[in-house]
Amino acid sequence: MSDLILTPNLAKPDDFYAGWLAAHDGLTKAESDALNARLILVLANHIGDNAVLADAVEAARLTGDAP
């Protein structure tokens, strides 16, 4: 794996989560999905490393609930 950090690394994760949820207030499902997609693209651009991003996608896929 690359330099992907999988251990807790946010100073105030509850504050981030609350702000993220608040950003969805009043949005439709489609608007909420689009907001999430834009956030992913902004963060991916900030990371800027395809190997790290590929590892993050794999980690998210492996830790998510399978339908």
C-alpha atoms as a PDB file:
ATOM      1  CA  MET A   1       0.000   0.000   0.000  1.00  0.00           C
ATOM      2  CA  SER A   2       0.956   3.614  -0.466  1.00  0.00           C
ATOM      3  CA  ASP A   3       0.927   6.248   2.241  1.00  0.00           C
ATOM      4  CA  LEU A   4      -2.802   5.905   2.842  1.00  0.00           C
ATOM      5  CA  ILE A   5      -3.641   6.659   6.477  1.00  0.00           C
ATOM      6  CA  LEU A   6      -6.292   4.291   7.832  1.00  0.00           C
ATOM      7  CA  THR A   7      -5.950   5.092  11.529  1.00  0.00           C
ATOM      8  CA  PRO A   8      -7.971   7.939  13.079  1.00  0.00           C
ATOM      9  CA  ASN A   9      -6.415  11.186  11.849  1.00  0.00           C
ATOM     10  CA  LEU A  10      -9.066  13.902  12.266  1.00  0.00           C
ATOM     11  CA  ALA A  11      -8.733  16.255  15.215  1.00  0.00           C
ATOM     12  CA  LYS A  12     -12.509  16.719  15.560  1.00  0.00           C
ATOM     13  CA  PRO A  13     -14.257  14.012  13.519  1.00  0.00           C
ATOM     14  CA  ASP A  14     -17.664  14.697  15.064  1.00  0.00           C
ATOM     15  CA  ASP A  15     -17.444  18.352  14.040  1.00  0.00           C
ATOM     16  CA  PHE A  16     -16.567  17.384  10.474  1.00  0.00           C
ATOM     17  CA  TYR A  17     -19.413  14.856  10.343  1.00  0.00           C
ATOM     18  CA  ALA A  18     -21.911  17.384  11.703  1.00  0.00           C
ATOM     19  CA  GLY A  19     -20.861  19.937   9.088  1.00  0.00           C
ATOM     20  CA  TRP A  20     -21.041  17.358   6.320  1.00  0.00           C
ATOM     21  CA  LEU A  21     -24.554  16.355   7.381  1.00  0.00           C
ATOM     22  CA  ALA A  22     -25.609  20.002   7.669  1.00  0.00           C
ATOM     23  CA  ALA A  23     -24.442  20.611   4.100  1.00  0.00           C
ATOM     24  CA  HIS A  24     -27.092  18.081   2.999  1.00  0.00           C
ATOM     25  CA  ASP A  25     -29.983  19.818   4.765  1.00  0.00           C
ATOM     26  CA  GLY A  26     -32.821  20.551   2.365  1.00  0.00           C
ATOM     27  CA  LEU A  27     -31.248  18.684  -0.559  1.00  0.00           C
ATOM     28  CA  THR A  28     -32.979  16.040  -2.611  1.00  0.00           C
ATOM     29  CA  LYS A  29     -31.390  12.586  -2.864  1.00  0.00           C
ATOM     30  CA  ALA A  30     -29.967  13.517  -6.278  1.00  0.00           C
ATOM     31  CA  GLU A  31     -28.573  16.820  -4.971  1.00  0.00           C
ATOM     32  CA  SER A  32     -27.117  15.050  -1.934  1.00  0.00           C
ATOM     33  CA  ASP A  33     -25.459  12.429  -4.148  1.00  0.00           C
ATOM     34  CA  ALA A  34     -24.048  15.202  -6.359  1.00  0.00           C
ATOM     35  CA  LEU A  35     -22.675  17.024  -3.302  1.00  0.00           C
ATOM     36  CA  ASN A  36     -20.943  13.828  -2.166  1.00  0.00           C
ATOM     37  CA  ALA A  37     -19.493  13.302  -5.642  1.00  0.00           C
ATOM     38  CA  ARG A  38     -18.165  16.871  -5.745  1.00  0.00           C
ATOM     39  CA  LEU A  39     -16.645  16.473  -2.281  1.00  0.00           C
ATOM     40  CA  ILE A  40     -14.892  13.277  -3.376  1.00  0.00           C
ATOM     41  CA  LEU A  41     -13.459  15.043  -6.428  1.00  0.00           C
ATOM     42  CA  VAL A  42     -12.291  18.043  -4.377  1.00  0.00           C
ATOM     43  CA  LEU A  43     -10.580  15.767  -1.845  1.00  0.00           C
ATOM     44  CA  ALA A  44      -9.093  13.565  -4.590  1.00  0.00           C
ATOM     45  CA  ASN A  45      -7.634  16.658  -6.221  1.00  0.00           C
ATOM     46  CA  HIS A  46      -6.221  17.767  -2.867  1.00  0.00           C
ATOM     47  CA  ILE A  47      -4.580  14.357  -2.319  1.00  0.00           C
ATOM     48  CA  GLY A  48      -3.268  14.357  -5.876  1.00  0.00           C
ATOM     49  CA  ASP A  49      -1.705  10.879  -5.755  1.00  0.00           C
ATOM     50  CA  ASN A  50      -3.353   8.187  -7.889  1.00  0.00           C
ATOM     51  CA  ALA A  51      -1.776   5.340  -5.886  1.00  0.00           C
ATOM     52  CA  VAL A  52      -3.137   6.714  -2.606  1.00  0.00           C
ATOM     53  CA  LEU A  53      -6.543   7.263  -4.198  1.00  0.00           C
ATOM     54  CA  ALA A  54      -6.619   3.720  -5.615  1.00  0.00           C
ATOM     55  CA  ASP A  55      -5.763   2.345  -2.176  1.00  0.00           C
ATOM     56  CA  ALA A  56      -8.501   4.486  -0.628  1.00  0.00           C
ATOM     57  CA  VAL A  57     -11.082   3.165  -3.104  1.00  0.00           C
ATOM     58  CA  GLU A  58      -9.999  -0.398  -2.359  1.00  0.00           C
ATOM     59  CA  ALA A  59     -10.094   0.190   1.404  1.00  0.00           C
ATOM     60  CA  ALA A  60     -13.579   1.723   1.191  1.00  0.00           C
ATOM     61  CA  ARG A  61     -14.788  -1.140  -0.967  1.00  0.00           C
ATOM     62  CA  LEU A  62     -13.413  -3.774   1.411  1.00  0.00           C
ATOM     63  CA  THR A  63     -14.833  -2.151   4.553  1.00  0.00           C
ATOM     64  CA  GLY A  64     -18.300  -1.330   3.190  1.00  0.00           C
ATOM     65  CA  ASP A  65     -21.367  -3.475   3.604  1.00  0.00           C
ATOM     66  CA  ALA A  66     -21.929  -5.594   0.521  1.00  0.00           C
ATOM     67  CA  PRO A  67     -25.473  -5.335  -0.891  1.00  0.00           C
END
